[in-house]
C-alpha atoms as a PDB file:
ATOM      1  CA  UNK A   1     -31.916  -0.960  12.098  1.00  0.00           C
ATOM      2  CA  UNK A   2     -30.006  -0.422   9.019  1.00  0.00           C
ATOM      3  CA  UNK A   3     -29.254   3.271  10.003  1.00  0.00           C
ATOM      4  CA  UNK A   4     -26.532   2.433  12.545  1.00  0.00           C
ATOM      5  CA  UNK A   5     -28.231   4.004  15.537  1.00  0.00           C
ATOM      6  CA  UNK A   6     -27.820   0.264  17.223  1.00  0.00           C
ATOM      7  CA  UNK A   7     -24.387   0.921  17.493  1.00  0.00           C
ATOM      8  CA  UNK A   8     -24.981   3.835  20.298  1.00  0.00           C
ATOM      9  CA  UNK A   9     -26.539   1.196  22.206  1.00  0.00           C
ATOM     10  CA  UNK A  10     -23.427  -1.171  22.770  1.00  0.00           C
ATOM     11  CA  UNK A  11     -21.582  -0.979  25.883  1.00  0.00           C
ATOM     12  CA  UNK A  12     -18.395   1.112  26.558  1.00  0.00           C
ATOM     13  CA  UNK A  13     -16.610  -2.005  27.484  1.00  0.00           C
ATOM     14  CA  UNK A  14     -17.226  -3.540  24.301  1.00  0.00           C
ATOM     15  CA  UNK A  15     -16.491  -0.668  22.338  1.00  0.00           C
ATOM     16  CA  UNK A  16     -13.103  -0.465  23.972  1.00  0.00           C
ATOM     17  CA  UNK A  17     -12.590  -4.171  23.482  1.00  0.00           C
ATOM     18  CA  UNK A  18     -13.386  -4.138  20.126  1.00  0.00           C
ATOM     19  CA  UNK A  19     -11.558  -1.020  19.329  1.00  0.00           C
ATOM     20  CA  UNK A  20      -8.138  -2.357  20.782  1.00  0.00           C
ATOM     21  CA  UNK A  21      -8.564  -6.040  19.323  1.00  0.00           C
ATOM     22  CA  UNK A  22      -8.400  -4.215  15.904  1.00  0.00           C
ATOM     23  CA  UNK A  23      -5.597  -1.948  16.699  1.00  0.00           C
ATOM     24  CA  UNK A  24      -3.407  -5.017  17.411  1.00  0.00           C
ATOM     25  CA  UNK A  25      -4.800  -6.593  14.306  1.00  0.00           C
ATOM     26  CA  UNK A  26      -3.579  -3.664  11.905  1.00  0.00           C
ATOM     27  CA  UNK A  27       0.010  -3.596  14.367  1.00  0.00           C
ATOM     28  CA  UNK A  28       0.294  -7.274  12.988  1.00  0.00           C
ATOM     29  CA  UNK A  29      -0.805  -6.765   9.602  1.00  0.00           C
ATOM     30  CA  UNK A  30       1.387  -3.313   9.367  1.00  0.00           C
ATOM     31  CA  UNK A  31       4.318  -5.158  10.886  1.00  0.00           C
ATOM     32  CA  UNK A  32       3.950  -8.502   8.165  1.00  0.00           C
ATOM     33  CA  UNK A  33       6.135  -7.481   5.425  1.00  0.00           C
ATOM     34  CA  UNK A  34       4.190 -10.094   3.126  1.00  0.00           C
ATOM     35  CA  UNK A  35       1.278  -8.217   3.757  1.00  0.00           C
ATOM     36  CA  UNK A  36       2.616  -4.953   2.585  1.00  0.00           C
ATOM     37  CA  UNK A  37       3.939  -6.689  -0.392  1.00  0.00           C
ATOM     38  CA  UNK A  38       0.329  -7.906  -1.317  1.00  0.00           C
ATOM     39  CA  UNK A  39      -1.478  -4.946  -0.435  1.00  0.00           C
ATOM     40  CA  UNK A  40      -1.894  -3.266  -3.884  1.00  0.00           C
ATOM     41  CA  UNK A  41      -2.528  -6.220  -5.460  1.00  0.00           C
ATOM     42  CA  UNK A  42      -5.755  -6.018  -3.781  1.00  0.00           C
ATOM     43  CA  UNK A  43      -6.359  -2.862  -4.616  1.00  0.00           C
ATOM     44  CA  UNK A  44      -7.947  -2.217  -7.943  1.00  0.00           C
ATOM     45  CA  UNK A  45      -6.729   1.592  -7.828  1.00  0.00           C
ATOM     46  CA  UNK A  46      -3.271   1.450  -6.905  1.00  0.00           C
ATOM     47  CA  UNK A  47      -3.242   4.869  -5.750  1.00  0.00           C
ATOM     48  CA  UNK A  48      -4.906   4.282  -2.874  1.00  0.00           C
ATOM     49  CA  UNK A  49      -2.872   2.291  -0.851  1.00  0.00           C
ATOM     50  CA  UNK A  50      -0.990   4.729   0.988  1.00  0.00           C
ATOM     51  CA  UNK A  51      -4.113   6.148   1.920  1.00  0.00           C
ATOM     52  CA  UNK A  52      -5.100   2.717   3.207  1.00  0.00           C
ATOM     53  CA  UNK A  53      -1.998   2.055   5.090  1.00  0.00           C
ATOM     54  CA  UNK A  54      -2.027   5.286   6.632  1.00  0.00           C
ATOM     55  CA  UNK A  55      -5.658   4.319   8.394  1.00  0.00           C
ATOM     56  CA  UNK A  56      -4.341   1.388   9.251  1.00  0.00           C
ATOM     57  CA  UNK A  57      -1.961   3.089  10.646  1.00  0.00           C
ATOM     58  CA  UNK A  58      -4.570   5.530  12.745  1.00  0.00           C
ATOM     59  CA  UNK A  59      -6.445   2.143  13.658  1.00  0.00           C
ATOM     60  CA  UNK A  60      -3.375   0.574  15.307  1.00  0.00           C
ATOM     61  CA  UNK A  61      -2.640   3.946  16.921  1.00  0.00           C
ATOM     62  CA  UNK A  62      -6.178   3.755  18.202  1.00  0.00           C
ATOM     63  CA  UNK A  63      -7.166   7.196  16.643  1.00  0.00           C
ATOM     64  CA  UNK A  64     -10.326   7.132  14.647  1.00  0.00           C
ATOM     65  CA  UNK A  65      -9.754   8.205  11.213  1.00  0.00           C
ATOM     66  CA  UNK A  66     -13.163  10.799  10.960  1.00  0.00           C
ATOM     67  CA  UNK A  67     -14.691   9.384   8.155  1.00  0.00           C
END
């Protein structure tokens, strides 16, 4: 199923657990100065770094980015 329809069949509990796990992982990354220092070196387009940091912040807050 390449259309993503399988995602809607997952249990709500699994979705909550996964969202919480990803939020914690994003919080950990954003709190790590070494990650923030090297992030620009991993992004080919440096102007995207603020967008990536913003989206990680949304994930850390448990807020879907909408994209």
